[in-house]
Protein backbone atom coordinates (compact mmCIF):
# COMPACT_ATOMS: atom_id res chain seq x y z
CA MET A 1 66.39 -57.68 211.69
CA PHE A 2 62.86 -58.27 212.98
CA THR A 3 61.67 -58.11 216.65
CA HIS A 4 58.80 -60.49 217.76
CA ALA A 5 57.11 -59.78 221.12
CA LEU A 6 56.98 -62.92 223.24
CA GLY A 7 55.45 -61.35 226.30
CA GLU A 8 56.38 -59.90 229.68
CA SER A 9 56.97 -60.78 233.18
CA GLY A 10 57.24 -59.27 236.54
CA ALA A 11 60.17 -59.38 238.84
CA THR A 12 60.68 -61.13 242.16
CA PHE A 13 63.36 -60.51 244.67
CA CYS A 14 64.98 -63.55 246.22
CA ALA A 15 67.98 -64.71 248.18
CA GLU A 16 69.65 -67.48 250.10
CA LYS A 17 67.49 -68.74 253.03
CA LYS A 18 69.03 -66.63 256.00
CA LEU A 19 69.09 -63.52 254.17
CA ALA A 20 65.68 -63.89 252.55
CA ALA A 21 64.12 -64.60 255.88
CA ARG A 22 65.67 -61.23 257.37
CA LEU A 23 64.58 -59.18 254.23
CA LYS A 24 61.00 -60.73 254.01
CA ARG A 25 60.00 -59.42 257.43
CA SER A 26 59.58 -55.69 256.27
CA PHE A 27 59.55 -56.05 252.63
CA PRO A 28 59.92 -53.79 250.64
CA THR A 29 61.72 -51.32 253.01
CA SER A 30 64.01 -53.90 253.95
CA LEU A 31 65.76 -53.77 250.68
CA HIS A 32 66.92 -50.33 251.62
CA GLY A 33 70.69 -50.60 252.42
CA ALA A 34 70.63 -54.32 251.89
CA PRO A 35 73.30 -56.02 249.85
CA ALA A 36 72.26 -56.17 246.17
CA LEU A 37 73.66 -58.30 243.32
CA LEU A 38 72.40 -56.38 240.22
CA PRO A 39 72.43 -57.04 236.43
CA ALA A 40 74.59 -54.54 234.31
CA GLU A 41 73.18 -51.05 233.86
CA ASN A 42 72.51 -51.72 230.15
CA THR A 43 70.01 -54.43 230.66
CA VAL A 44 66.18 -54.23 230.54
CA LEU A 45 65.86 -55.79 233.94
CA ARG A 46 68.23 -53.40 235.67
CA HIS A 47 66.40 -50.44 234.12
CA ALA A 48 62.99 -52.00 235.50
CA LEU A 49 64.65 -52.26 239.00
CA GLU A 50 66.07 -48.80 239.03
CA THR A 51 62.75 -47.41 238.23
CA TRP A 52 60.87 -49.62 240.88
CA PHE A 53 63.44 -48.67 243.60
CA CYS A 54 63.22 -45.09 242.77
CA GLU A 55 59.41 -45.20 242.97
CA HIS A 56 59.67 -46.81 246.37
CA GLY A 57 62.44 -44.73 247.70
CA ILE A 58 64.79 -47.66 248.16
CA GLN A 59 68.47 -47.51 247.61
CA PRO A 60 70.05 -50.96 248.10
CA ARG A 61 73.75 -51.23 248.74
CA VAL A 62 75.07 -52.41 245.36
CA VAL A 63 77.72 -55.07 246.07
CA VAL A 64 78.46 -56.08 242.50
CA GLU A 65 77.03 -55.66 238.94
CA PHE A 66 77.02 -58.61 236.60
CA GLU A 67 77.20 -59.06 232.91
CA ASP A 68 76.87 -62.84 233.52
CA LEU A 69 73.41 -63.58 235.27
CA ALA A 70 74.47 -67.26 235.95
CA LEU A 71 77.47 -65.92 238.07
CA MET A 72 75.25 -63.43 239.73
CA LYS A 73 72.93 -66.42 240.94
CA VAL A 74 75.87 -68.45 242.12
CA MET A 75 77.05 -65.49 244.10
CA ALA A 76 73.44 -65.15 245.68
CA ALA A 77 73.27 -68.63 246.65
CA GLU A 78 76.30 -68.20 248.59
CA GLY A 79 74.50 -65.30 250.54
CA ARG A 80 76.27 -62.28 249.16
CA GLY A 81 73.30 -60.26 248.37
CA PHE A 82 69.80 -60.51 247.14
CA ILE A 83 68.84 -60.51 243.29
CA ALA A 84 65.86 -60.02 241.17
CA VAL A 85 64.61 -62.59 238.73
CA PRO A 86 62.01 -62.57 236.31
CA THR A 87 58.89 -63.87 238.00
CA VAL A 88 58.46 -66.26 235.09
CA ALA A 89 61.73 -67.96 235.90
CA LEU A 90 61.31 -68.01 239.72
CA ASP A 91 60.44 -71.61 240.18
CA GLU A 92 63.76 -72.56 238.21
CA ALA A 93 65.89 -70.24 240.42
CA VAL A 94 64.33 -71.64 243.62
CA LYS A 95 65.10 -75.34 242.46
CA ARG A 96 68.58 -74.78 240.92
CA TYR A 97 69.90 -72.44 243.36
CA GLY A 98 67.75 -72.86 246.57
CA PHE A 99 66.65 -69.38 246.72
CA GLN A 100 63.81 -68.16 249.06
CA MET A 101 61.36 -65.39 247.69
CA ILE A 102 61.57 -62.25 249.53
CA GLY A 103 58.70 -60.51 247.67
CA HIS A 104 57.16 -59.39 244.19
CA ALA A 105 58.27 -56.08 242.86
CA LYS A 106 54.59 -55.08 242.07
CA GLY A 107 54.35 -52.89 239.05
CA CYS A 108 58.06 -53.73 237.84
CA ARG A 109 57.53 -55.36 234.39
CA MET A 110 59.95 -56.36 231.51
CA GLY A 111 59.40 -57.56 228.13
CA PHE A 112 60.91 -60.43 226.01
CA HIS A 113 61.48 -60.63 222.35
CA ALA A 114 62.82 -62.82 219.81
CA ILE A 115 64.94 -61.20 217.10
CA THR A 116 64.92 -62.67 213.66
CA ALA A 117 66.12 -62.12 210.15
CA GLU A 118 62.78 -62.90 208.80
CA ARG A 119 59.75 -60.82 209.11
CA ARG A 120 57.64 -63.97 209.53
CA ILE A 121 58.79 -66.93 211.69
CA ALA A 122 59.10 -69.55 209.34
CA HIS A 123 61.47 -72.30 210.57
CA PRO A 124 59.32 -75.04 212.52
CA ALA A 125 61.82 -75.19 215.38
CA VAL A 126 61.95 -71.42 215.75
CA ALA A 127 58.24 -71.32 215.61
CA LEU A 128 57.89 -73.91 218.35
CA ILE A 129 60.38 -72.19 220.80
CA THR A 130 58.48 -68.94 220.12
CA ASN A 131 55.13 -70.23 220.73
CA GLN A 132 56.21 -72.01 224.03
CA ALA A 133 57.99 -68.74 225.13
CA GLN A 134 54.78 -66.87 224.45
CA ALA A 135 52.59 -69.43 226.27
CA MET A 136 54.92 -69.18 229.37
CA LEU A 137 55.00 -65.53 229.36
CA LYS A 138 51.41 -65.15 229.50
CA ARG A 139 50.99 -66.77 232.89
């Protein structure tokens, strides 16, 4: 197996409209004690968020931890807590789920990689997907 770096993205906190409006006022301290819907502990996003929370002295109230990120977004859209999404996916999350941005987690970065069986990416479709992901993650 071979790992091919695609790029990296920051993280942005968001929530449904009413909760986002309340948490945006004094971000990031407003996240302390706020209901959080977080990805499972074994994920890159969760590790990056835990580091960011620790650096800022923030302890959100973890309501649920998710293996399924789509379900996490559905629960957040219902107002059950705030979530963090890769900044590169923020526009899609806003369009699809109606989220409002709370704030950017400055300094919180996560990498994205493609895992292949080959050292070089030779298949044209895989090369196209990889190139588009690299271009998107350079923004």
